[in-house]
Amino acid sequence: MPKHKLPPWLRPKTAPRLVELGVAWYTESEWALVKAAATDPERFEATYEEWVQMAEKSLLNFLAAGIVPNKEFISANELLAWCLAHGKKNDSGARAQFVSEKGSKRHQSGA
């Protein structure tokens, strides 16, 4: 006799997989240093306070979209050393790649 399948309301539910995303986060002094060394300083807000407002709004937008943002604190020295080691300019693409790699390393180490 064939086994009856459970009706949908009795089947085990799989939890939705959370999507995590590393987001660059700066102290005021590190933000100023990264901006000063950037090849695209026009991509930054005019002031740190404006950047914080934009970044906090972005965090809320990510959460509303079901994405869990993880703040990745950026050190200007660490970023610039990474850029030098990888032959990159300190531009938006390199900063995004740096944050992504930093988040991946943190996630892999279980930190």
N, C-alpha and C. Protein backbone atom coordinates (compact mmCIF):
# COMPACT_ATOMS: atom_id res chain seq x y z
N MET A 1 0.84 -1.17 0.00
CA MET A 1 0.00 0.00 0.00
C MET A 1 0.90 1.25 0.00
N PRO A 2 0.65 2.24 -0.90
CA PRO A 2 1.50 3.44 -0.96
C PRO A 2 1.34 4.30 0.29
N LYS A 3 2.46 4.91 0.67
CA LYS A 3 2.48 5.78 1.84
C LYS A 3 1.78 7.09 1.49
N HIS A 4 0.91 7.55 2.36
CA HIS A 4 0.21 8.81 2.10
C HIS A 4 1.13 9.99 2.40
N LYS A 5 1.10 10.97 1.52
CA LYS A 5 1.87 12.19 1.76
C LYS A 5 1.13 13.06 2.77
N LEU A 6 1.88 13.73 3.58
CA LEU A 6 1.27 14.63 4.54
C LEU A 6 0.68 15.84 3.82
N PRO A 7 -0.43 16.35 4.29
CA PRO A 7 -0.96 17.58 3.70
C PRO A 7 0.02 18.73 3.98
N PRO A 8 -0.01 19.76 3.16
CA PRO A 8 0.97 20.85 3.29
C PRO A 8 1.04 21.46 4.69
N TRP A 9 -0.09 21.59 5.38
CA TRP A 9 -0.07 22.22 6.70
C TRP A 9 0.58 21.35 7.77
N LEU A 10 0.82 20.08 7.45
CA LEU A 10 1.49 19.20 8.41
C LEU A 10 2.95 18.92 8.06
N ARG A 11 3.35 19.36 6.89
CA ARG A 11 4.74 19.13 6.47
C ARG A 11 5.68 20.04 7.27
N PRO A 12 6.88 19.56 7.54
CA PRO A 12 7.84 20.43 8.26
C PRO A 12 8.13 21.67 7.44
N LYS A 13 8.19 22.76 8.12
CA LYS A 13 8.50 24.03 7.47
C LYS A 13 10.01 24.27 7.53
N THR A 14 10.54 24.69 6.41
CA THR A 14 11.96 25.05 6.41
C THR A 14 12.05 26.54 6.68
N ALA A 15 12.94 26.88 7.55
CA ALA A 15 13.12 28.29 7.88
C ALA A 15 13.73 29.00 6.69
N PRO A 16 13.25 30.20 6.40
CA PRO A 16 13.86 30.95 5.31
C PRO A 16 15.32 31.25 5.63
N ARG A 17 16.14 31.17 4.63
CA ARG A 17 17.57 31.42 4.81
C ARG A 17 17.79 32.92 4.87
N LEU A 18 18.44 33.37 5.92
CA LEU A 18 18.73 34.78 6.05
C LEU A 18 19.89 35.15 5.14
N VAL A 19 19.76 36.26 4.50
CA VAL A 19 20.83 36.78 3.66
C VAL A 19 21.58 37.82 4.48
N GLU A 20 22.88 37.64 4.60
CA GLU A 20 23.70 38.59 5.34
C GLU A 20 24.57 39.38 4.36
N LEU A 21 24.85 40.62 4.74
CA LEU A 21 25.64 41.49 3.88
C LEU A 21 26.55 42.34 4.74
N GLY A 22 27.83 42.36 4.40
CA GLY A 22 28.77 43.23 5.10
C GLY A 22 28.60 44.66 4.62
N VAL A 23 28.58 45.57 5.58
CA VAL A 23 28.40 46.99 5.28
C VAL A 23 29.56 47.75 5.92
N ALA A 24 30.23 48.57 5.13
CA ALA A 24 31.34 49.37 5.65
C ALA A 24 30.85 50.29 6.75
N TRP A 25 31.59 50.31 7.84
CA TRP A 25 31.25 51.20 8.96
C TRP A 25 32.51 51.86 9.44
N TYR A 26 32.43 53.15 9.72
CA TYR A 26 33.60 53.94 10.07
C TYR A 26 33.39 54.72 11.36
N THR A 27 34.48 54.94 12.08
CA THR A 27 34.47 55.98 13.11
C THR A 27 34.67 57.29 12.35
N GLU A 28 34.46 58.39 12.99
CA GLU A 28 34.60 59.68 12.31
C GLU A 28 36.01 59.90 11.79
N SER A 29 37.01 59.55 12.60
CA SER A 29 38.39 59.78 12.17
C SER A 29 38.77 58.85 11.02
N GLU A 30 38.35 57.59 11.07
CA GLU A 30 38.67 56.65 9.98
C GLU A 30 37.95 57.05 8.69
N TRP A 31 36.70 57.51 8.81
CA TRP A 31 35.95 57.98 7.64
C TRP A 31 36.72 59.11 6.96
N ALA A 32 37.20 60.06 7.75
CA ALA A 32 37.94 61.20 7.19
C ALA A 32 39.21 60.74 6.49
N LEU A 33 39.92 59.78 7.09
CA LEU A 33 41.17 59.28 6.49
C LEU A 33 40.89 58.52 5.18
N VAL A 34 39.86 57.67 5.19
CA VAL A 34 39.53 56.92 3.96
C VAL A 34 39.11 57.89 2.87
N LYS A 35 38.28 58.86 3.20
CA LYS A 35 37.83 59.85 2.21
C LYS A 35 39.02 60.65 1.66
N ALA A 36 39.92 61.06 2.53
CA ALA A 36 41.07 61.86 2.10
C ALA A 36 41.98 61.08 1.15
N ALA A 37 42.05 59.77 1.31
CA ALA A 37 42.92 58.94 0.47
C ALA A 37 42.18 58.36 -0.74
N ALA A 38 40.89 58.59 -0.84
CA ALA A 38 40.09 57.99 -1.91
C ALA A 38 40.36 58.65 -3.25
N THR A 39 40.30 57.83 -4.30
CA THR A 39 40.43 58.38 -5.66
C THR A 39 39.09 58.94 -6.14
N ASP A 40 38.03 58.68 -5.37
CA ASP A 40 36.69 59.16 -5.71
C ASP A 40 36.01 59.83 -4.51
N PRO A 41 36.65 60.85 -3.92
CA PRO A 41 36.07 61.45 -2.71
C PRO A 41 34.68 62.03 -2.94
N GLU A 42 34.34 62.30 -4.17
CA GLU A 42 33.00 62.83 -4.48
C GLU A 42 31.90 61.81 -4.18
N ARG A 43 32.26 60.54 -4.05
CA ARG A 43 31.27 59.49 -3.74
C ARG A 43 30.87 59.51 -2.26
N PHE A 44 31.64 60.22 -1.44
CA PHE A 44 31.35 60.33 -0.01
C PHE A 44 30.41 61.50 0.24
N GLU A 45 29.67 61.40 1.33
CA GLU A 45 28.84 62.52 1.75
C GLU A 45 29.77 63.66 2.17
N ALA A 46 29.21 64.87 2.25
CA ALA A 46 30.02 66.04 2.57
C ALA A 46 30.58 65.99 3.99
N THR A 47 29.81 65.43 4.92
CA THR A 47 30.27 65.36 6.31
C THR A 47 30.04 63.95 6.85
N TYR A 48 30.74 63.66 7.93
CA TYR A 48 30.56 62.37 8.60
C TYR A 48 29.13 62.23 9.10
N GLU A 49 28.55 63.29 9.62
CA GLU A 49 27.18 63.23 10.13
C GLU A 49 26.21 62.86 9.01
N GLU A 50 26.41 63.42 7.82
CA GLU A 50 25.56 63.07 6.67
C GLU A 50 25.76 61.61 6.30
N TRP A 51 27.01 61.15 6.37
CA TRP A 51 27.27 59.74 6.06
C TRP A 51 26.54 58.83 7.05
N VAL A 52 26.61 59.15 8.35
CA VAL A 52 25.94 58.33 9.37
C VAL A 52 24.44 58.26 9.07
N GLN A 53 23.82 59.38 8.75
CA GLN A 53 22.38 59.39 8.44
C GLN A 53 22.09 58.48 7.25
N MET A 54 22.88 58.59 6.19
CA MET A 54 22.69 57.76 5.01
C MET A 54 22.89 56.28 5.35
N ALA A 55 23.94 55.98 6.10
CA ALA A 55 24.28 54.59 6.43
C ALA A 55 23.20 53.97 7.31
N GLU A 56 22.71 54.69 8.29
CA GLU A 56 21.67 54.15 9.16
C GLU A 56 20.36 53.92 8.39
N LYS A 57 20.05 54.81 7.47
CA LYS A 57 18.86 54.61 6.62
C LYS A 57 19.04 53.36 5.75
N SER A 58 20.26 53.16 5.24
CA SER A 58 20.55 51.98 4.42
C SER A 58 20.38 50.70 5.23
N LEU A 59 20.82 50.71 6.50
CA LEU A 59 20.66 49.54 7.35
C LEU A 59 19.18 49.17 7.49
N LEU A 60 18.34 50.18 7.70
CA LEU A 60 16.90 49.93 7.83
C LEU A 60 16.32 49.39 6.53
N ASN A 61 16.77 49.92 5.40
CA ASN A 61 16.29 49.45 4.10
C ASN A 61 16.69 47.99 3.87
N PHE A 62 17.90 47.64 4.26
CA PHE A 62 18.34 46.24 4.12
C PHE A 62 17.45 45.33 4.96
N LEU A 63 17.22 45.71 6.21
CA LEU A 63 16.39 44.89 7.09
C LEU A 63 14.98 44.73 6.53
N ALA A 64 14.43 45.81 5.99
CA ALA A 64 13.08 45.75 5.41
C ALA A 64 13.04 44.81 4.21
N ALA A 65 14.16 44.66 3.53
CA ALA A 65 14.23 43.77 2.37
C ALA A 65 14.61 42.34 2.76
N GLY A 66 14.74 42.08 4.06
CA GLY A 66 15.08 40.73 4.50
C GLY A 66 16.56 40.43 4.49
N ILE A 67 17.38 41.47 4.42
CA ILE A 67 18.83 41.32 4.41
C ILE A 67 19.36 41.78 5.76
N VAL A 68 20.20 40.95 6.36
CA VAL A 68 20.78 41.28 7.66
C VAL A 68 22.14 41.96 7.41
N PRO A 69 22.22 43.27 7.68
CA PRO A 69 23.49 43.96 7.47
C PRO A 69 24.42 43.75 8.66
N ASN A 70 25.67 43.46 8.36
CA ASN A 70 26.70 43.31 9.40
C ASN A 70 27.68 44.47 9.25
N LYS A 71 27.81 45.27 10.30
CA LYS A 71 28.74 46.39 10.26
C LYS A 71 30.17 45.85 10.27
N GLU A 72 30.92 46.24 9.28
CA GLU A 72 32.35 45.89 9.18
C GLU A 72 33.14 47.17 9.43
N PHE A 73 33.70 47.28 10.62
CA PHE A 73 34.45 48.49 10.96
C PHE A 73 35.73 48.54 10.14
N ILE A 74 35.92 49.67 9.48
CA ILE A 74 37.03 49.84 8.54
C ILE A 74 38.11 50.72 9.16
N SER A 75 39.33 50.21 9.09
CA SER A 75 40.51 50.97 9.45
C SER A 75 41.13 51.47 8.15
N ALA A 76 41.40 52.76 8.08
CA ALA A 76 41.99 53.33 6.87
C ALA A 76 43.31 52.65 6.54
N ASN A 77 44.15 52.42 7.55
CA ASN A 77 45.45 51.77 7.30
C ASN A 77 45.27 50.37 6.75
N GLU A 78 44.35 49.62 7.31
CA GLU A 78 44.09 48.26 6.85
C GLU A 78 43.56 48.26 5.41
N LEU A 79 42.64 49.16 5.12
CA LEU A 79 42.10 49.28 3.76
C LEU A 79 43.18 49.65 2.76
N LEU A 80 43.99 50.64 3.10
CA LEU A 80 45.02 51.10 2.16
C LEU A 80 46.09 50.03 1.96
N ALA A 81 46.43 49.29 3.00
CA ALA A 81 47.39 48.18 2.85
C ALA A 81 46.79 47.10 1.95
N TRP A 82 45.50 46.81 2.11
CA TRP A 82 44.83 45.82 1.26
C TRP A 82 44.83 46.28 -0.20
N CYS A 83 44.53 47.56 -0.42
CA CYS A 83 44.54 48.10 -1.78
C CYS A 83 45.92 47.95 -2.41
N LEU A 84 46.96 48.28 -1.67
CA LEU A 84 48.33 48.18 -2.16
C LEU A 84 48.67 46.72 -2.48
N ALA A 85 48.33 45.81 -1.59
CA ALA A 85 48.63 44.39 -1.79
C ALA A 85 47.89 43.79 -2.98
N HIS A 86 46.71 44.34 -3.30
CA HIS A 86 45.89 43.80 -4.39
C HIS A 86 45.94 44.65 -5.66
N GLY A 87 46.82 45.66 -5.66
CA GLY A 87 46.95 46.51 -6.84
C GLY A 87 45.69 47.28 -7.18
N LYS A 88 44.98 47.73 -6.14
CA LYS A 88 43.71 48.45 -6.33
C LYS A 88 43.85 49.89 -5.90
N LYS A 89 43.02 50.73 -6.50
CA LYS A 89 42.89 52.12 -6.05
C LYS A 89 41.87 52.13 -4.93
N ASN A 90 41.96 53.11 -4.06
CA ASN A 90 40.95 53.28 -3.01
C ASN A 90 39.73 53.94 -3.65
N ASP A 91 38.93 53.12 -4.34
CA ASP A 91 37.69 53.61 -4.93
C ASP A 91 36.52 52.77 -4.42
N SER A 92 35.31 53.13 -4.83
CA SER A 92 34.13 52.46 -4.28
C SER A 92 34.14 50.96 -4.53
N GLY A 93 34.60 50.53 -5.68
CA GLY A 93 34.65 49.10 -5.99
C GLY A 93 35.62 48.36 -5.09
N ALA A 94 36.79 48.94 -4.87
CA ALA A 94 37.79 48.30 -4.00
C ALA A 94 37.29 48.28 -2.55
N ARG A 95 36.67 49.37 -2.11
CA ARG A 95 36.15 49.40 -0.74
C ARG A 95 35.08 48.33 -0.55
N ALA A 96 34.21 48.17 -1.53
CA ALA A 96 33.17 47.14 -1.44
C ALA A 96 33.78 45.75 -1.41
N GLN A 97 34.79 45.51 -2.24
CA GLN A 97 35.45 44.20 -2.25
C GLN A 97 36.15 43.94 -0.92
N PHE A 98 36.79 44.95 -0.39
CA PHE A 98 37.48 44.83 0.90
C PHE A 98 36.49 44.45 2.00
N VAL A 99 35.36 45.14 2.05
CA VAL A 99 34.34 44.85 3.07
C VAL A 99 33.81 43.44 2.90
N SER A 100 33.58 43.03 1.66
CA SER A 100 33.07 41.69 1.39
C SER A 100 34.06 40.63 1.88
N GLU A 101 35.33 40.81 1.55
CA GLU A 101 36.35 39.85 1.97
C GLU A 101 36.52 39.84 3.49
N LYS A 102 36.47 41.01 4.08
CA LYS A 102 36.61 41.10 5.53
C LYS A 102 35.45 40.37 6.21
N GLY A 103 34.25 40.57 5.71
CA GLY A 103 33.08 39.89 6.26
C GLY A 103 33.16 38.38 6.06
N SER A 104 33.64 37.95 4.90
CA SER A 104 33.76 36.52 4.64
C SER A 104 34.76 35.87 5.59
N LYS A 105 35.88 36.54 5.83
CA LYS A 105 36.89 36.00 6.74
C LYS A 105 36.34 35.92 8.16
N ARG A 106 35.60 36.93 8.57
CA ARG A 106 35.01 36.94 9.90
C ARG A 106 34.00 35.80 10.02
N HIS A 107 33.19 35.62 9.00
CA HIS A 107 32.17 34.58 9.01
C HIS A 107 32.81 33.18 9.04
N GLN A 108 33.88 33.00 8.26
CA GLN A 108 34.55 31.69 8.21
C GLN A 108 35.23 31.36 9.53
N SER A 109 35.72 32.37 10.21
CA SER A 109 36.41 32.12 11.48
C SER A 109 35.43 31.95 12.63
N GLY A 110 34.15 32.25 12.34
CA GLY A 110 33.13 32.10 13.38
C GLY A 110 33.11 33.22 14.37
N ALA A 111 33.79 34.31 14.05
CA ALA A 111 33.84 35.46 14.97
C ALA A 111 32.55 36.23 14.98
